[in-house]
Amino acid sequence: ISSYCTYFSQLTTGDNCYIPVDKTIQLYAIIKNNQFITSS
């Protein structure tokens, strides 16, 4: 999870996830295993 993305402390992620620069993840988001968020 990039230190340059925006997310709340409640963010829950599974294993093997990739969240690059400049992404905004909303409050109470749950990102399960094997997720790759593109740069769009």
PDB file of all heavy atoms in Angstrom:
ATOM      1  N   ILE A   1       0.876  -1.162   0.000  1.00  0.00           N
ATOM      2  CA  ILE A   1       0.000   0.000   0.000  1.00  0.00           C
ATOM      3  C   ILE A   1       0.914   1.213   0.000  1.00  0.00           C
ATOM      4  O   ILE A   1       1.680   1.423   0.945  1.00  0.00           O
ATOM      5  CB  ILE A   1      -0.924   0.028   1.229  1.00  0.00           C
ATOM      6  CG1 ILE A   1      -1.795  -1.226   1.269  1.00  0.00           C
ATOM      7  CG2 ILE A   1      -1.790   1.283   1.218  1.00  0.00           C
ATOM      8  CD1 ILE A   1      -2.626  -1.357   2.521  1.00  0.00           C
ATOM      9  N   SER A   2       0.861   2.004  -1.053  1.00  0.00           N
ATOM     10  CA  SER A   2       1.736   3.164  -1.184  1.00  0.00           C
ATOM     11  C   SER A   2       1.511   4.147  -0.043  1.00  0.00           C
ATOM     12  O   SER A   2       0.378   4.380   0.380  1.00  0.00           O
ATOM     13  CB  SER A   2       1.483   3.878  -2.516  1.00  0.00           C
ATOM     14  OG  SER A   2       2.212   5.091  -2.548  1.00  0.00           O
ATOM     15  N   SER A   3       2.588   4.735   0.428  1.00  0.00           N
ATOM     16  CA  SER A   3       2.468   5.764   1.466  1.00  0.00           C
ATOM     17  C   SER A   3       1.894   7.059   0.890  1.00  0.00           C
ATOM     18  O   SER A   3       1.575   7.979   1.633  1.00  0.00           O
ATOM     19  CB  SER A   3       3.835   6.028   2.101  1.00  0.00           C
ATOM     20  OG  SER A   3       4.754   6.471   1.127  1.00  0.00           O
ATOM     21  N   TYR A   4       1.734   7.117  -0.437  1.00  0.00           N
ATOM     22  CA  TYR A   4       1.170   8.289  -1.094  1.00  0.00           C
ATOM     23  C   TYR A   4      -0.281   8.086  -1.515  1.00  0.00           C
ATOM     24  O   TYR A   4      -0.816   8.864  -2.291  1.00  0.00           O
ATOM     25  CB  TYR A   4       2.007   8.678  -2.319  1.00  0.00           C
ATOM     26  CG  TYR A   4       3.392   9.130  -1.935  1.00  0.00           C
ATOM     27  CD1 TYR A   4       4.475   8.277  -2.087  1.00  0.00           C
ATOM     28  CD2 TYR A   4       3.600  10.385  -1.392  1.00  0.00           C
ATOM     29  CE1 TYR A   4       5.749   8.677  -1.718  1.00  0.00           C
ATOM     30  CE2 TYR A   4       4.869  10.800  -1.014  1.00  0.00           C
ATOM     31  CZ  TYR A   4       5.938   9.937  -1.185  1.00  0.00           C
ATOM     32  OH  TYR A   4       7.194  10.333  -0.809  1.00  0.00           O
ATOM     33  N   CYS A   5      -0.936   7.029  -1.029  1.00  0.00           N
ATOM     34  CA  CYS A   5      -2.368   6.888  -1.287  1.00  0.00           C
ATOM     35  C   CYS A   5      -3.117   7.349  -0.037  1.00  0.00           C
ATOM     36  O   CYS A   5      -2.534   7.478   1.034  1.00  0.00           O
ATOM     37  CB  CYS A   5      -2.740   5.462  -1.686  1.00  0.00           C
ATOM     38  SG  CYS A   5      -2.736   4.275  -0.368  1.00  0.00           S
ATOM     39  N   THR A   6      -4.407   7.609  -0.190  1.00  0.00           N
ATOM     40  CA  THR A   6      -5.221   8.103   0.914  1.00  0.00           C
ATOM     41  C   THR A   6      -6.187   7.010   1.340  1.00  0.00           C
ATOM     42  O   THR A   6      -6.924   6.476   0.517  1.00  0.00           O
ATOM     43  CB  THR A   6      -6.018   9.344   0.472  1.00  0.00           C
ATOM     44  OG1 THR A   6      -5.108  10.320  -0.011  1.00  0.00           O
ATOM     45  CG2 THR A   6      -6.824   9.914   1.610  1.00  0.00           C
ATOM     46  N   TYR A   7      -6.169   6.676   2.621  1.00  0.00           N
ATOM     47  CA  TYR A   7      -7.108   5.691   3.159  1.00  0.00           C
ATOM     48  C   TYR A   7      -7.294   5.941   4.647  1.00  0.00           C
ATOM     49  O   TYR A   7      -6.500   6.619   5.285  1.00  0.00           O
ATOM     50  CB  TYR A   7      -6.627   4.255   2.909  1.00  0.00           C
ATOM     51  CG  TYR A   7      -5.291   3.933   3.541  1.00  0.00           C
ATOM     52  CD1 TYR A   7      -5.218   3.384   4.809  1.00  0.00           C
ATOM     53  CD2 TYR A   7      -4.106   4.175   2.863  1.00  0.00           C
ATOM     54  CE1 TYR A   7      -3.997   3.101   5.389  1.00  0.00           C
ATOM     55  CE2 TYR A   7      -2.887   3.892   3.427  1.00  0.00           C
ATOM     56  CZ  TYR A   7      -2.835   3.353   4.700  1.00  0.00           C
ATOM     57  OH  TYR A   7      -1.629   3.077   5.271  1.00  0.00           O
ATOM     58  N   PHE A   8      -8.373   5.420   5.204  1.00  0.00           N
ATOM     59  CA  PHE A   8      -8.672   5.579   6.610  1.00  0.00           C
ATOM     60  C   PHE A   8      -8.066   4.420   7.395  1.00  0.00           C
ATOM     61  O   PHE A   8      -7.789   3.355   6.838  1.00  0.00           O
ATOM     62  CB  PHE A   8     -10.189   5.625   6.828  1.00  0.00           C
ATOM     63  CG  PHE A   8     -10.822   6.841   6.217  1.00  0.00           C
ATOM     64  CD1 PHE A   8     -11.246   6.836   4.898  1.00  0.00           C
ATOM     65  CD2 PHE A   8     -10.977   7.992   6.968  1.00  0.00           C
ATOM     66  CE1 PHE A   8     -11.822   7.960   4.331  1.00  0.00           C
ATOM     67  CE2 PHE A   8     -11.552   9.119   6.411  1.00  0.00           C
ATOM     68  CZ  PHE A   8     -11.976   9.108   5.099  1.00  0.00           C
ATOM     69  N   SER A   9      -7.891   4.593   8.680  1.00  0.00           N
ATOM     70  CA  SER A   9      -7.266   3.559   9.509  1.00  0.00           C
ATOM     71  C   SER A   9      -8.098   2.281   9.574  1.00  0.00           C
ATOM     72  O   SER A   9      -7.585   1.230   9.921  1.00  0.00           O
ATOM     73  CB  SER A   9      -7.011   4.087  10.924  1.00  0.00           C
ATOM     74  OG  SER A   9      -8.228   4.462  11.545  1.00  0.00           O
ATOM     75  N   GLN A  10      -9.379   2.355   9.216  1.00  0.00           N
ATOM     76  CA  GLN A  10     -10.252   1.178   9.227  1.00  0.00           C
ATOM     77  C   GLN A  10     -10.075   0.301   7.991  1.00  0.00           C
ATOM     78  O   GLN A  10     -10.752  -0.708   7.858  1.00  0.00           O
ATOM     79  CB  GLN A  10     -11.728   1.592   9.326  1.00  0.00           C
ATOM     80  CG  GLN A  10     -12.110   2.274  10.597  1.00  0.00           C
ATOM     81  CD  GLN A  10     -11.918   3.779  10.540  1.00  0.00           C
ATOM     82  OE1 GLN A  10     -11.239   4.310   9.669  1.00  0.00           O
ATOM     83  NE2 GLN A  10     -12.491   4.483  11.492  1.00  0.00           N
ATOM     84  N   LEU A  11      -9.189   0.661   7.074  1.00  0.00           N
ATOM     85  CA  LEU A  11      -8.994  -0.118   5.850  1.00  0.00           C
ATOM     86  C   LEU A  11      -8.591  -1.549   6.188  1.00  0.00           C
ATOM     87  O   LEU A  11      -7.693  -1.783   6.984  1.00  0.00           O
ATOM     88  CB  LEU A  11      -7.912   0.518   4.971  1.00  0.00           C
ATOM     89  CG  LEU A  11      -7.550  -0.259   3.704  1.00  0.00           C
ATOM     90  CD1 LEU A  11      -8.744  -0.335   2.768  1.00  0.00           C
ATOM     91  CD2 LEU A  11      -6.360   0.376   3.016  1.00  0.00           C
ATOM     92  N   THR A  12      -9.286  -2.487   5.575  1.00  0.00           N
ATOM     93  CA  THR A  12      -8.982  -3.895   5.748  1.00  0.00           C
ATOM     94  C   THR A  12      -8.537  -4.456   4.409  1.00  0.00           C
ATOM     95  O   THR A  12      -9.250  -4.318   3.415  1.00  0.00           O
ATOM     96  CB  THR A  12     -10.234  -4.668   6.229  1.00  0.00           C
ATOM     97  OG1 THR A  12     -10.675  -4.110   7.459  1.00  0.00           O
ATOM     98  CG2 THR A  12      -9.935  -6.137   6.411  1.00  0.00           C
ATOM     99  N   THR A  13      -7.355  -5.066   4.369  1.00  0.00           N
ATOM    100  CA  THR A  13      -6.881  -5.693   3.135  1.00  0.00           C
ATOM    101  C   THR A  13      -6.522  -7.139   3.402  1.00  0.00           C
ATOM    102  O   THR A  13      -6.129  -7.501   4.499  1.00  0.00           O
ATOM    103  CB  THR A  13      -5.633  -4.988   2.560  1.00  0.00           C
ATOM    104  OG1 THR A  13      -4.581  -5.057   3.514  1.00  0.00           O
ATOM    105  CG2 THR A  13      -5.925  -3.552   2.209  1.00  0.00           C
ATOM    106  N   GLY A  14      -6.665  -7.948   2.367  1.00  0.00           N
ATOM    107  CA  GLY A  14      -6.256  -9.342   2.448  1.00  0.00           C
ATOM    108  C   GLY A  14      -4.782  -9.470   2.070  1.00  0.00           C
ATOM    109  O   GLY A  14      -4.036  -8.488   2.079  1.00  0.00           O
ATOM    110  N   ASP A  15      -4.392 -10.660   1.711  1.00  0.00           N
ATOM    111  CA  ASP A  15      -3.014 -10.938   1.300  1.00  0.00           C
ATOM    112  C   ASP A  15      -2.827 -10.610  -0.176  1.00  0.00           C
ATOM    113  O   ASP A  15      -3.763 -10.677  -0.966  1.00  0.00           O
ATOM    114  CB  ASP A  15      -2.687 -12.418   1.509  1.00  0.00           C
ATOM    115  CG  ASP A  15      -2.703 -12.808   2.973  1.00  0.00           C
ATOM    116  OD1 ASP A  15      -2.528 -11.922   3.827  1.00  0.00           O
ATOM    117  OD2 ASP A  15      -2.888 -14.004   3.252  1.00  0.00           O
ATOM    118  N   ASN A  16      -1.599 -10.277  -0.538  1.00  0.00           N
ATOM    119  CA  ASN A  16      -1.207 -10.099  -1.939  1.00  0.00           C
ATOM    120  C   ASN A  16      -2.009  -9.010  -2.649  1.00  0.00           C
ATOM    121  O   ASN A  16      -2.510  -9.202  -3.743  1.00  0.00           O
ATOM    122  CB  ASN A  16      -1.319 -11.430  -2.684  1.00  0.00           C
ATOM    123  CG  ASN A  16      -0.597 -11.396  -4.004  1.00  0.00           C
ATOM    124  OD1 ASN A  16       0.416 -10.729  -4.146  1.00  0.00           O
ATOM    125  ND2 ASN A  16      -1.121 -12.102  -4.978  1.00  0.00           N
ATOM    126  N   CYS A  17      -2.138  -7.842  -2.011  1.00  0.00           N
ATOM    127  CA  CYS A  17      -2.846  -6.708  -2.603  1.00  0.00           C
ATOM    128  C   CYS A  17      -1.839  -5.636  -2.990  1.00  0.00           C
ATOM    129  O   CYS A  17      -0.795  -5.492  -2.362  1.00  0.00           O
ATOM    130  CB  CYS A  17      -3.846  -6.122  -1.623  1.00  0.00           C
ATOM    131  SG  CYS A  17      -5.191  -7.246  -1.230  1.00  0.00           S
ATOM    132  N   TYR A  18      -2.173  -4.858  -4.018  1.00  0.00           N
ATOM    133  CA  TYR A  18      -1.309  -3.784  -4.481  1.00  0.00           C
ATOM    134  C   TYR A  18      -2.145  -2.523  -4.676  1.00  0.00           C
ATOM    135  O   TYR A  18      -3.094  -2.516  -5.461  1.00  0.00           O
ATOM    136  CB  TYR A  18      -0.644  -4.175  -5.806  1.00  0.00           C
ATOM    137  CG  TYR A  18       0.165  -3.071  -6.428  1.00  0.00           C
ATOM    138  CD1 TYR A  18       1.420  -2.753  -5.942  1.00  0.00           C
ATOM    139  CD2 TYR A  18      -0.340  -2.342  -7.495  1.00  0.00           C
ATOM    140  CE1 TYR A  18       2.164  -1.732  -6.505  1.00  0.00           C
ATOM    141  CE2 TYR A  18       0.396  -1.315  -8.071  1.00  0.00           C
ATOM    142  CZ  TYR A  18       1.642  -1.012  -7.571  1.00  0.00           C
ATOM    143  OH  TYR A  18       2.376  -0.003  -8.133  1.00  0.00           O
ATOM    144  N   ILE A  19      -1.800  -1.479  -3.928  1.00  0.00           N
ATOM    145  CA  ILE A  19      -2.480  -0.197  -4.037  1.00  0.00           C
ATOM    146  C   ILE A  19      -1.405   0.852  -4.293  1.00  0.00           C
ATOM    147  O   ILE A  19      -0.634   1.185  -3.400  1.00  0.00           O
ATOM    148  CB  ILE A  19      -3.276   0.129  -2.756  1.00  0.00           C
ATOM    149  CG1 ILE A  19      -4.267  -0.992  -2.446  1.00  0.00           C
ATOM    150  CG2 ILE A  19      -4.008   1.460  -2.919  1.00  0.00           C
ATOM    151  CD1 ILE A  19      -4.951  -0.863  -1.110  1.00  0.00           C
ATOM    152  N   PRO A  20      -1.333   1.396  -5.523  1.00  0.00           N
ATOM    153  CA  PRO A  20      -0.255   2.312  -5.889  1.00  0.00           C
ATOM    154  C   PRO A  20      -0.497   3.759  -5.432  1.00  0.00           C
ATOM    155  O   PRO A  20      -1.466   4.061  -4.744  1.00  0.00           O
ATOM    156  CB  PRO A  20      -0.230   2.219  -7.411  1.00  0.00           C
ATOM    157  CG  PRO A  20      -1.647   1.941  -7.762  1.00  0.00           C
ATOM    158  CD  PRO A  20      -2.183   1.082  -6.648  1.00  0.00           C
ATOM    159  N   VAL A  21       0.368   4.642  -5.877  1.00  0.00           N
ATOM    160  CA  VAL A  21       0.339   6.065  -5.560  1.00  0.00           C
ATOM    161  C   VAL A  21      -0.968   6.715  -6.021  1.00  0.00           C
ATOM    162  O   VAL A  21      -1.552   6.333  -7.031  1.00  0.00           O
ATOM    163  CB  VAL A  21       1.530   6.757  -6.261  1.00  0.00           C
ATOM    164  CG1 VAL A  21       1.479   8.263  -6.099  1.00  0.00           C
ATOM    165  CG2 VAL A  21       2.836   6.208  -5.741  1.00  0.00           C
ATOM    166  N   ASP A  22      -1.424   7.720  -5.265  1.00  0.00           N
ATOM    167  CA  ASP A  22      -2.559   8.577  -5.619  1.00  0.00           C
ATOM    168  C   ASP A  22      -3.906   7.879  -5.686  1.00  0.00           C
ATOM    169  O   ASP A  22      -4.798   8.315  -6.404  1.00  0.00           O
ATOM    170  CB  ASP A  22      -2.314   9.309  -6.947  1.00  0.00           C
ATOM    171  CG  ASP A  22      -1.181  10.314  -6.837  1.00  0.00           C
ATOM    172  OD1 ASP A  22      -0.945  10.805  -5.723  1.00  0.00           O
ATOM    173  OD2 ASP A  22      -0.545  10.592  -7.860  1.00  0.00           O
ATOM    174  N   LYS A  23      -4.100   6.806  -4.976  1.00  0.00           N
ATOM    175  CA  LYS A  23      -5.410   6.153  -4.901  1.00  0.00           C
ATOM    176  C   LYS A  23      -6.113   6.638  -3.639  1.00  0.00           C
ATOM    177  O   LYS A  23      -5.478   6.923  -2.631  1.00  0.00           O
ATOM    178  CB  LYS A  23      -5.305   4.628  -4.833  1.00  0.00           C
ATOM    179  CG  LYS A  23      -4.672   4.021  -6.039  1.00  0.00           C
ATOM    180  CD  LYS A  23      -5.499   4.291  -7.279  1.00  0.00           C
ATOM    181  CE  LYS A  23      -4.624   4.690  -8.403  1.00  0.00           C
ATOM    182  NZ  LYS A  23      -4.855   5.901  -9.060  1.00  0.00           N
ATOM    183  N   THR A  24      -7.425   6.734  -3.682  1.00  0.00           N
ATOM    184  CA  THR A  24      -8.220   7.075  -2.513  1.00  0.00           C
ATOM    185  C   THR A  24      -9.144   5.908  -2.225  1.00  0.00           C
ATOM    186  O   THR A  24      -9.954   5.531  -3.062  1.00  0.00           O
ATOM    187  CB  THR A  24      -9.063   8.351  -2.754  1.00  0.00           C
ATOM    188  OG1 THR A  24      -8.170   9.426  -3.026  1.00  0.00           O
ATOM    189  CG2 THR A  24      -9.922   8.672  -1.544  1.00  0.00           C
ATOM    190  N   ILE A  25      -8.996   5.329  -1.049  1.00  0.00           N
ATOM    191  CA  ILE A  25      -9.817   4.195  -0.630  1.00  0.00           C
ATOM    192  C   ILE A  25     -10.789   4.718   0.419  1.00  0.00           C
ATOM    193  O   ILE A  25     -10.384   5.300   1.424  1.00  0.00           O
ATOM    194  CB  ILE A  25      -8.951   3.057  -0.034  1.00  0.00           C
ATOM    195  CG1 ILE A  25      -7.786   2.702  -0.962  1.00  0.00           C
ATOM    196  CG2 ILE A  25      -9.811   1.859   0.291  1.00  0.00           C
ATOM    197  CD1 ILE A  25      -8.179   2.195  -2.316  1.00  0.00           C
ATOM    198  N   GLN A  26     -12.070   4.513   0.185  1.00  0.00           N
ATOM    199  CA  GLN A  26     -13.110   5.088   1.030  1.00  0.00           C
ATOM    200  C   GLN A  26     -13.192   4.418   2.407  1.00  0.00           C
ATOM    201  O   GLN A  26     -12.710   3.312   2.613  1.00  0.00           O
ATOM    202  CB  GLN A  26     -14.460   4.987   0.323  1.00  0.00           C
ATOM    203  CG  GLN A  26     -14.514   5.761  -0.983  1.00  0.00           C
ATOM    204  CD  GLN A  26     -14.307   7.247  -0.767  1.00  0.00           C
ATOM    205  OE1 GLN A  26     -14.858   7.828   0.150  1.00  0.00           O
ATOM    206  NE2 GLN A  26     -13.492   7.854  -1.620  1.00  0.00           N
ATOM    207  N   LEU A  27     -13.841   5.108   3.328  1.00  0.00           N
ATOM    208  CA  LEU A  27     -14.030   4.650   4.695  1.00  0.00           C
ATOM    209  C   LEU A  27     -14.709   3.282   4.727  1.00  0.00           C
ATOM    210  O   LEU A  27     -15.660   3.041   3.984  1.00  0.00           O
ATOM    211  CB  LEU A  27     -14.884   5.669   5.455  1.00  0.00           C
ATOM    212  CG  LEU A  27     -15.153   5.407   6.930  1.00  0.00           C
ATOM    213  CD1 LEU A  27     -13.839   5.407   7.716  1.00  0.00           C
ATOM    214  CD2 LEU A  27     -16.080   6.473   7.479  1.00  0.00           C
ATOM    215  N   TYR A  28     -14.224   2.393   5.543  1.00  0.00           N
ATOM    216  CA  TYR A  28     -14.742   1.032   5.746  1.00  0.00           C
ATOM    217  C   TYR A  28     -14.606   0.135   4.521  1.00  0.00           C
ATOM    218  O   TYR A  28     -15.306  -0.856   4.382  1.00  0.00           O
ATOM    219  CB  TYR A  28     -16.196   1.044   6.223  1.00  0.00           C
ATOM    220  CG  TYR A  28     -16.389   1.843   7.494  1.00  0.00           C
ATOM    221  CD1 TYR A  28     -17.160   2.983   7.522  1.00  0.00           C
ATOM    222  CD2 TYR A  28     -15.746   1.449   8.671  1.00  0.00           C
ATOM    223  CE1 TYR A  28     -17.324   3.718   8.671  1.00  0.00           C
ATOM    224  CE2 TYR A  28     -15.895   2.187   9.837  1.00  0.00           C
ATOM    225  CZ  TYR A  28     -16.683   3.312   9.830  1.00  0.00           C
ATOM    226  OH  TYR A  28     -16.827   4.045  10.978  1.00  0.00           O
ATOM    227  N   ALA A  29     -13.720   0.470   3.613  1.00  0.00           N
ATOM    228  CA  ALA A  29     -13.491  -0.389   2.448  1.00  0.00           C
ATOM    229  C   ALA A  29     -12.883  -1.707   2.908  1.00  0.00           C
ATOM    230  O   ALA A  29     -12.111  -1.755   3.870  1.00  0.00           O
ATOM    231  CB  ALA A  29     -12.556   0.295   1.465  1.00  0.00           C
ATOM    232  N   ILE A  30     -13.237  -2.781   2.221  1.00  0.00           N
ATOM    233  CA  ILE A  30     -12.660  -4.099   2.464  1.00  0.00           C
ATOM    234  C   ILE A  30     -12.091  -4.579   1.141  1.00  0.00           C
ATOM    235  O   ILE A  30     -12.826  -4.730   0.170  1.00  0.00           O
ATOM    236  CB  ILE A  30     -13.713  -5.095   2.970  1.00  0.00           C
ATOM    237  CG1 ILE A  30     -14.300  -4.616   4.299  1.00  0.00           C
ATOM    238  CG2 ILE A  30     -13.110  -6.491   3.106  1.00  0.00           C
ATOM    239  CD1 ILE A  30     -15.484  -5.427   4.766  1.00  0.00           C
ATOM    240  N   ILE A  31     -10.799  -4.793   1.105  1.00  0.00           N
ATOM    241  CA  ILE A  31     -10.148  -5.276  -0.104  1.00  0.00           C
ATOM    242  C   ILE A  31      -9.637  -6.675   0.207  1.00  0.00           C
ATOM    243  O   ILE A  31      -8.756  -6.842   1.050  1.00  0.00           O
ATOM    244  CB  ILE A  31      -9.013  -4.337  -0.532  1.00  0.00           C
ATOM    245  CG1 ILE A  31      -9.598  -2.943  -0.800  1.00  0.00           C
ATOM    246  CG2 ILE A  31      -8.306  -4.884  -1.761  1.00  0.00           C
ATOM    247  CD1 ILE A  31      -8.569  -1.890  -1.086  1.00  0.00           C
ATOM    248  N   LYS A  32     -10.217  -7.656  -0.434  1.00  0.00           N
ATOM    249  CA  LYS A  32      -9.893  -9.056  -0.149  1.00  0.00           C
ATOM    250  C   LYS A  32      -8.577  -9.477  -0.791  1.00  0.00           C
ATOM    251  O   LYS A  32      -7.850  -8.649  -1.324  1.00  0.00           O
ATOM    252  CB  LYS A  32     -11.043  -9.953  -0.640  1.00  0.00           C
ATOM    253  CG  LYS A  32     -12.364  -9.679   0.030  1.00  0.00           C
ATOM    254  CD  LYS A  32     -12.487 -10.435   1.303  1.00  0.00           C
ATOM    255  CE  LYS A  32     -13.862 -10.205   1.916  1.00  0.00           C
ATOM    256  NZ  LYS A  32     -14.276 -11.270   2.750  1.00  0.00           N
ATOM    257  N   ASN A  33      -8.274 -10.768  -0.757  1.00  0.00           N
ATOM    258  CA  ASN A  33      -7.009 -11.308  -1.262  1.00  0.00           C
ATOM    259  C   ASN A  33      -6.817 -11.099  -2.758  1.00  0.00           C
ATOM    260  O   ASN A  33      -7.779 -11.101  -3.526  1.00  0.00           O
ATOM    261  CB  ASN A  33      -6.933 -12.813  -0.983  1.00  0.00           C
ATOM    262  CG  ASN A  33      -6.899 -13.110   0.487  1.00  0.00           C
ATOM    263  OD1 ASN A  33      -6.425 -12.329   1.289  1.00  0.00           O
ATOM    264  ND2 ASN A  33      -7.402 -14.272   0.853  1.00  0.00           N
ATOM    265  N   ASN A  34      -5.564 -10.942  -3.162  1.00  0.00           N
ATOM    266  CA  ASN A  34      -5.144 -10.923  -4.572  1.00  0.00           C
ATOM    267  C   ASN A  34      -5.758  -9.798  -5.389  1.00  0.00           C
ATOM    268  O   ASN A  34      -6.152  -9.996  -6.523  1.00  0.00           O
ATOM    269  CB  ASN A  34      -5.444 -12.276  -5.236  1.00  0.00           C
ATOM    270  CG  ASN A  34      -4.809 -13.411  -4.481  1.00  0.00           C
ATOM    271  OD1 ASN A  34      -3.644 -13.329  -4.117  1.00  0.00           O
ATOM    272  ND2 ASN A  34      -5.576 -14.452  -4.214  1.00  0.00           N
ATOM    273  N   GLN A  35      -5.818  -8.594  -4.826  1.00  0.00           N
ATOM    274  CA  GLN A  35      -6.376  -7.446  -5.528  1.00  0.00           C
ATOM    275  C   GLN A  35      -5.261  -6.539  -6.023  1.00  0.00           C
ATOM    276  O   GLN A  35      -4.345  -6.205  -5.288  1.00  0.00           O
ATOM    277  CB  GLN A  35      -7.310  -6.646  -4.626  1.00  0.00           C
ATOM    278  CG  GLN A  35      -8.446  -7.457  -4.062  1.00  0.00           C
ATOM    279  CD  GLN A  35      -9.288  -8.094  -5.134  1.00  0.00           C
ATOM    280  OE1 GLN A  35      -9.694  -7.441  -6.078  1.00  0.00           O
ATOM    281  NE2 GLN A  35      -9.565  -9.364  -4.988  1.00  0.00           N
ATOM    282  N   PHE A  36      -5.343  -6.123  -7.271  1.00  0.00           N
ATOM    283  CA  PHE A  36      -4.382  -5.215  -7.881  1.00  0.00           C
ATOM    284  C   PHE A  36      -5.156  -4.022  -8.394  1.00  0.00           C
ATOM    285  O   PHE A  36      -6.015  -4.169  -9.271  1.00  0.00           O
ATOM    286  CB  PHE A  36      -3.659  -5.914  -9.031  1.00  0.00           C
ATOM    287  CG  PHE A  36      -2.691  -5.031  -9.756  1.00  0.00           C
ATOM    288  CD1 PHE A  36      -1.392  -4.910  -9.298  1.00  0.00           C
ATOM    289  CD2 PHE A  36      -3.082  -4.323 -10.865  1.00  0.00           C
ATOM    290  CE1 PHE A  36      -0.494  -4.090  -9.953  1.00  0.00           C
ATOM    291  CE2 PHE A  36      -2.193  -3.500 -11.536  1.00  0.00           C
ATOM    292  CZ  PHE A  36      -0.894  -3.383 -11.071  1.00  0.00           C
ATOM    293  N   ILE A  37      -4.909  -2.858  -7.829  1.00  0.00           N
ATOM    294  CA  ILE A  37      -5.622  -1.654  -8.239  1.00  0.00           C
ATOM    295  C   ILE A  37      -4.745  -0.922  -9.232  1.00  0.00           C
ATOM    296  O   ILE A  37      -3.618  -0.553  -8.927  1.00  0.00           O
ATOM    297  CB  ILE A  37      -5.961  -0.788  -7.022  1.00  0.00           C
ATOM    298  CG1 ILE A  37      -6.878  -1.579  -6.092  1.00  0.00           C
ATOM    299  CG2 ILE A  37      -6.606   0.520  -7.457  1.00  0.00           C
ATOM    300  CD1 ILE A  37      -7.222  -0.889  -4.817  1.00  0.00           C
ATOM    301  N   THR A  38      -5.262  -0.720 -10.441  1.00  0.00           N
ATOM    302  CA  THR A  38      -4.464  -0.104 -11.502  1.00  0.00           C
ATOM    303  C   THR A  38      -4.221   1.372 -11.208  1.00  0.00           C
ATOM    304  O   THR A  38      -4.799   1.945 -10.299  1.00  0.00           O
ATOM    305  CB  THR A  38      -5.161  -0.233 -12.865  1.00  0.00           C
ATOM    306  OG1 THR A  38      -6.365   0.521 -12.832  1.00  0.00           O
ATOM    307  CG2 THR A  38      -5.441  -1.674 -13.200  1.00  0.00           C
ATOM    308  N   SER A  39      -3.406   1.984 -12.021  1.00  0.00           N
ATOM    309  CA  SER A  39      -3.053   3.382 -11.802  1.00  0.00           C
ATOM    310  C   SER A  39      -4.090   4.348 -12.349  1.00  0.00           C
ATOM    311  O   SER A  39      -3.929   5.547 -12.251  1.00  0.00           O
ATOM    312  CB  SER A  39      -1.686   3.677 -12.411  1.00  0.00           C
ATOM    313  OG  SER A  39      -1.681   3.323 -13.751  1.00  0.00           O
ATOM    314  N   SER A  40      -5.177   3.843 -12.921  1.00  0.00           N
ATOM    315  CA  SER A  40      -6.275   4.712 -13.329  1.00  0.00           C
ATOM    316  C   SER A  40      -7.097   5.065 -12.091  1.00  0.00           C
ATOM    317  O   SER A  40      -7.164   4.292 -11.143  1.00  0.00           O
ATOM    318  CB  SER A  40      -7.151   3.984 -14.341  1.00  0.00           C
ATOM    319  OG  SER A  40      -8.251   4.774 -14.671  1.00  0.00           O
TER     320      SER A  40
END
